[in-house]
C-alpha atoms as a PDB file:
ATOM      1  CA  MET A   1     -18.875 -26.124  27.989  1.00  0.00           C
ATOM      2  CA  ASN A   2     -16.341 -25.635  30.844  1.00  0.00           C
ATOM      3  CA  LEU A   3     -17.950 -23.678  33.745  1.00  0.00           C
ATOM      4  CA  ARG A   4     -14.663 -22.528  35.097  1.00  0.00           C
ATOM      5  CA  LYS A   5     -14.261 -20.143  32.011  1.00  0.00           C
ATOM      6  CA  THR A   6     -17.103 -18.091  33.603  1.00  0.00           C
ATOM      7  CA  LEU A   7     -17.396 -19.170  37.319  1.00  0.00           C
ATOM      8  CA  SER A   8     -14.432 -18.484  39.624  1.00  0.00           C
ATOM      9  CA  LYS A   9     -13.790 -18.153  43.478  1.00  0.00           C
ATOM     10  CA  ASP A  10     -14.576 -14.530  43.215  1.00  0.00           C
ATOM     11  CA  ALA A  11     -17.884 -15.191  41.991  1.00  0.00           C
ATOM     12  CA  VAL A  12     -19.210 -17.447  44.670  1.00  0.00           C
ATOM     13  CA  LEU A  13     -21.207 -15.983  47.481  1.00  0.00           C
ATOM     14  CA  LEU A  14     -21.878 -18.305  50.303  1.00  0.00           C
ATOM     15  CA  ASP A  15     -24.250 -16.579  52.484  1.00  0.00           C
ATOM     16  CA  LEU A  16     -26.787 -14.131  50.968  1.00  0.00           C
ATOM     17  CA  LYS A  17     -28.046 -11.692  53.613  1.00  0.00           C
ATOM     18  CA  ASN A  18     -31.411 -10.437  51.887  1.00  0.00           C
ATOM     19  CA  ASN A  19     -34.759 -12.270  51.651  1.00  0.00           C
ATOM     20  CA  ALA A  20     -36.712 -10.476  49.001  1.00  0.00           C
ATOM     21  CA  LYS A  21     -36.319 -11.338  45.285  1.00  0.00           C
ATOM     22  CA  GLU A  22     -35.230  -7.895  44.088  1.00  0.00           C
ATOM     23  CA  ALA A  23     -32.893  -7.414  47.020  1.00  0.00           C
ATOM     24  CA  ILE A  24     -31.180 -10.757  46.387  1.00  0.00           C
ATOM     25  CA  ILE A  25     -30.715  -9.623  42.717  1.00  0.00           C
ATOM     26  CA  GLU A  26     -29.316  -6.409  43.818  1.00  0.00           C
ATOM     27  CA  GLU A  27     -26.895  -8.071  46.195  1.00  0.00           C
ATOM     28  CA  MET A  28     -25.664 -10.456  43.746  1.00  0.00           C
ATOM     29  CA  ILE A  29     -25.117  -7.451  41.114  1.00  0.00           C
ATOM     30  CA  ASP A  30     -23.255  -5.652  43.781  1.00  0.00           C
ATOM     31  CA  PHE A  31     -20.990  -8.761  44.389  1.00  0.00           C
ATOM     32  CA  LEU A  32     -20.398  -8.841  40.463  1.00  0.00           C
ATOM     33  CA  MET A  33     -19.553  -5.023  40.652  1.00  0.00           C
ATOM     34  CA  THR A  34     -17.100  -5.648  43.521  1.00  0.00           C
ATOM     35  CA  SER A  35     -15.367  -8.425  41.724  1.00  0.00           C
ATOM     36  CA  GLY A  36     -15.065  -6.160  38.769  1.00  0.00           C
ATOM     37  CA  LYS A  37     -17.266  -8.363  36.528  1.00  0.00           C
ATOM     38  CA  ILE A  38     -19.673  -5.619  35.267  1.00  0.00           C
ATOM     39  CA  ARG A  39     -19.050  -2.001  34.333  1.00  0.00           C
ATOM     40  CA  GLU A  40     -22.111  -0.315  35.639  1.00  0.00           C
ATOM     41  CA  LYS A  41     -24.641  -1.223  38.348  1.00  0.00           C
ATOM     42  CA  LYS A  42     -27.734   0.611  37.219  1.00  0.00           C
ATOM     43  CA  ASP A  43     -28.186  -0.884  33.752  1.00  0.00           C
ATOM     44  CA  ALA A  44     -27.209  -4.368  34.930  1.00  0.00           C
ATOM     45  CA  LEU A  45     -29.638  -4.275  37.704  1.00  0.00           C
ATOM     46  CA  LYS A  46     -32.474  -3.131  35.583  1.00  0.00           C
ATOM     47  CA  ALA A  47     -31.794  -5.772  32.914  1.00  0.00           C
ATOM     48  CA  VAL A  48     -32.054  -8.640  35.517  1.00  0.00           C
ATOM     49  CA  ILE A  49     -35.020  -7.104  37.417  1.00  0.00           C
ATOM     50  CA  ASP A  50     -36.863  -6.357  33.967  1.00  0.00           C
ATOM     51  CA  ARG A  51     -36.252 -10.242  32.989  1.00  0.00           C
ATOM     52  CA  GLU A  52     -37.413 -11.449  36.333  1.00  0.00           C
ATOM     53  CA  ARG A  53     -40.677  -9.307  35.904  1.00  0.00           C
ATOM     54  CA  LYS A  54     -41.447 -10.892  32.859  1.00  0.00           C
ATOM     55  CA  MET A  55     -41.317 -14.496  34.373  1.00  0.00           C
ATOM     56  CA  SER A  56     -39.835 -15.600  37.503  1.00  0.00           C
ATOM     57  CA  THR A  57     -36.645 -17.482  37.028  1.00  0.00           C
ATOM     58  CA  GLY A  58     -37.247 -19.539  40.115  1.00  0.00           C
ATOM     59  CA  MET A  59     -36.884 -23.064  38.635  1.00  0.00           C
ATOM     60  CA  GLN A  60     -37.355 -26.181  40.810  1.00  0.00           C
ATOM     61  CA  ASN A  61     -35.346 -28.126  43.505  1.00  0.00           C
ATOM     62  CA  GLY A  62     -34.262 -24.935  45.343  1.00  0.00           C
ATOM     63  CA  ILE A  63     -32.759 -23.167  42.229  1.00  0.00           C
ATOM     64  CA  ALA A  64     -33.160 -19.720  40.740  1.00  0.00           C
ATOM     65  CA  ILE A  65     -31.274 -18.543  37.738  1.00  0.00           C
ATOM     66  CA  PRO A  66     -31.774 -14.617  37.611  1.00  0.00           C
ATOM     67  CA  HIS A  67     -30.227 -13.351  34.297  1.00  0.00           C
ATOM     68  CA  GLY A  68     -30.210 -10.603  31.952  1.00  0.00           C
ATOM     69  CA  LYS A  69     -28.573  -8.931  28.697  1.00  0.00           C
ATOM     70  CA  THR A  70     -26.851  -5.643  28.974  1.00  0.00           C
ATOM     71  CA  ASP A  71     -24.128  -3.772  27.274  1.00  0.00           C
ATOM     72  CA  LYS A  72     -22.429  -3.236  30.544  1.00  0.00           C
ATOM     73  CA  VAL A  73     -20.476  -6.625  30.191  1.00  0.00           C
ATOM     74  CA  ASP A  74     -18.189  -7.496  27.268  1.00  0.00           C
ATOM     75  CA  THR A  75     -18.515 -11.254  27.689  1.00  0.00           C
ATOM     76  CA  LEU A  76     -20.826 -13.718  29.829  1.00  0.00           C
ATOM     77  CA  VAL A  77     -20.396 -13.134  33.496  1.00  0.00           C
ATOM     78  CA  ALA A  78     -21.855 -15.290  36.098  1.00  0.00           C
ATOM     79  CA  ALA A  79     -22.034 -15.703  39.987  1.00  0.00           C
ATOM     80  CA  ILE A  80     -23.489 -18.503  42.290  1.00  0.00           C
ATOM     81  CA  ALA A  81     -24.892 -17.535  45.768  1.00  0.00           C
ATOM     82  CA  VAL A  82     -26.315 -19.631  48.535  1.00  0.00           C
ATOM     83  CA  LYS A  83     -29.114 -18.891  51.001  1.00  0.00           C
ATOM     84  CA  LYS A  84     -29.347 -21.985  53.145  1.00  0.00           C
ATOM     85  CA  ASP A  85     -32.770 -21.172  54.723  1.00  0.00           C
ATOM     86  CA  GLY A  86     -34.026 -20.403  51.185  1.00  0.00           C
ATOM     87  CA  THR A  87     -36.560 -17.755  50.159  1.00  0.00           C
ATOM     88  CA  ASP A  88     -39.634 -17.458  48.049  1.00  0.00           C
ATOM     89  CA  PHE A  89     -38.579 -16.712  44.333  1.00  0.00           C
ATOM     90  CA  GLY A  90     -41.535 -17.516  42.585  1.00  0.00           C
ATOM     91  CA  SER A  91     -40.249 -21.192  41.882  1.00  0.00           C
ATOM     92  CA  LEU A  92     -42.266 -23.681  39.401  1.00  0.00           C
ATOM     93  CA  ASP A  93     -42.550 -26.055  42.418  1.00  0.00           C
ATOM     94  CA  GLY A  94     -43.427 -23.585  45.007  1.00  0.00           C
ATOM     95  CA  LEU A  95     -40.598 -24.381  47.168  1.00  0.00           C
ATOM     96  CA  PRO A  96     -38.007 -21.806  48.486  1.00  0.00           C
ATOM     97  CA  SER A  97     -34.935 -21.176  46.309  1.00  0.00           C
ATOM     98  CA  LYS A  98     -31.596 -21.824  48.019  1.00  0.00           C
ATOM     99  CA  ILE A  99     -28.977 -21.779  45.034  1.00  0.00           C
ATOM    100  CA  PHE A 100     -28.977 -18.768  42.932  1.00  0.00           C
ATOM    101  CA  VAL A 101     -27.069 -18.528  39.585  1.00  0.00           C
ATOM    102  CA  MET A 102     -27.013 -15.161  38.039  1.00  0.00           C
ATOM    103  CA  THR A 103     -25.723 -14.477  34.575  1.00  0.00           C
ATOM    104  CA  LEU A 104     -25.418 -11.349  32.623  1.00  0.00           C
ATOM    105  CA  SER A 105     -24.357 -11.574  28.851  1.00  0.00           C
ATOM    106  CA  PRO A 106     -23.943  -8.851  26.122  1.00  0.00           C
ATOM    107  CA  ASP A 107     -27.032  -7.909  24.571  1.00  0.00           C
ATOM    108  CA  THR A 108     -25.554  -8.732  21.132  1.00  0.00           C
ATOM    109  CA  ARG A 109     -24.609 -12.381  21.863  1.00  0.00           C
ATOM    110  CA  THR A 110     -26.738 -15.441  22.679  1.00  0.00           C
ATOM    111  CA  GLY A 111     -24.856 -18.552  22.178  1.00  0.00           C
ATOM    112  CA  PRO A 112     -22.436 -18.627  25.331  1.00  0.00           C
ATOM    113  CA  HIS A 113     -25.529 -17.641  27.526  1.00  0.00           C
ATOM    114  CA  ILE A 114     -27.640 -20.421  26.239  1.00  0.00           C
ATOM    115  CA  GLN A 115     -24.680 -22.939  26.552  1.00  0.00           C
ATOM    116  CA  PHE A 116     -23.800 -21.749  30.234  1.00  0.00           C
ATOM    117  CA  LEU A 117     -27.491 -21.993  31.105  1.00  0.00           C
ATOM    118  CA  ALA A 118     -27.700 -25.545  29.664  1.00  0.00           C
ATOM    119  CA  GLU A 119     -24.775 -26.750  31.449  1.00  0.00           C
ATOM    120  CA  ILE A 120     -25.220 -25.185  34.864  1.00  0.00           C
ATOM    121  CA  SER A 121     -28.893 -26.577  34.742  1.00  0.00           C
ATOM    122  CA  ARG A 122     -27.600 -30.048  33.949  1.00  0.00           C
ATOM    123  CA  GLN A 123     -25.230 -29.842  36.790  1.00  0.00           C
ATOM    124  CA  LEU A 124     -27.750 -28.677  39.357  1.00  0.00           C
ATOM    125  CA  ASN A 125     -30.277 -31.378  38.294  1.00  0.00           C
ATOM    126  CA  ASP A 126     -28.249 -33.605  40.507  1.00  0.00           C
ATOM    127  CA  SER A 127     -29.311 -33.587  44.081  1.00  0.00           C
ATOM    128  CA  ALA A 128     -25.969 -34.594  45.281  1.00  0.00           C
ATOM    129  CA  VAL A 129     -24.376 -31.729  43.465  1.00  0.00           C
ATOM    130  CA  ARG A 130     -27.004 -29.371  45.203  1.00  0.00           C
ATOM    131  CA  ASP A 131     -26.282 -30.929  48.653  1.00  0.00           C
ATOM    132  CA  ARG A 132     -22.691 -30.326  48.126  1.00  0.00           C
ATOM    133  CA  ILE A 133     -23.323 -26.634  47.194  1.00  0.00           C
ATOM    134  CA  LEU A 134     -25.653 -26.081  50.213  1.00  0.00           C
ATOM    135  CA  ASN A 135     -23.089 -27.706  52.578  1.00  0.00           C
ATOM    136  CA  ALA A 136     -19.932 -26.013  51.079  1.00  0.00           C
ATOM    137  CA  THR A 137     -17.832 -23.786  53.616  1.00  0.00           C
ATOM    138  CA  SER A 138     -15.677 -22.219  50.888  1.00  0.00           C
ATOM    139  CA  PRO A 139     -15.832 -21.210  47.241  1.00  0.00           C
ATOM    140  CA  ASP A 140     -13.662 -23.961  46.211  1.00  0.00           C
ATOM    141  CA  GLU A 141     -16.023 -26.583  47.735  1.00  0.00           C
ATOM    142  CA  VAL A 142     -18.833 -24.912  45.663  1.00  0.00           C
ATOM    143  CA  LEU A 143     -16.759 -25.059  42.177  1.00  0.00           C
ATOM    144  CA  ASP A 144     -15.629 -28.639  43.239  1.00  0.00           C
ATOM    145  CA  ALA A 145     -19.266 -29.680  43.631  1.00  0.00           C
ATOM    146  CA  LEU A 146     -19.910 -28.368  40.006  1.00  0.00           C
ATOM    147  CA  SER A 147     -17.081 -30.544  38.701  1.00  0.00           C
ATOM    148  CA  GLY A 148     -18.289 -33.192  36.589  1.00  0.00           C
ATOM    149  CA  PRO A 149     -17.426 -34.816  33.227  1.00  0.00           C
ATOM    150  CA  SER A 150     -17.985 -31.704  31.340  1.00  0.00           C
ATOM    151  CA  GLY A 151     -18.269 -29.292  34.262  1.00  0.00           C
ATOM    152  CA  VAL A 152     -15.967 -26.927  35.962  1.00  0.00           C
END
């Protein structure tokens, strides 16, 4: 999957301000709203928070992938954000999350969502990619870090 179809410079947030899980989710939803990627905040926010309450999307290696399904998007949308000092996101390995990838997809479609999650997870499994993202000073550098043989 070509991540560039979903991730663009206007979907990269280099410095998350919030520390609490739900506040980070809301900050990322606001960011997607500002960039025009979702139509309505309330339902989109509810979809991601409801999913997070079922099971934490904090993975391992400092990564969290909050996501949800909603009719407030027509196609898969995503944002990537960084919080260099990390925050507790209920990760599997107990370590703070520093890289956040949020996705929202139409509640009627599954394929693109699964493909995106598989590809972004593959890219972020590489510690060099994670380091480049954490040290990025521009959205372009984040997207370049995700560039790989089948990446962005």
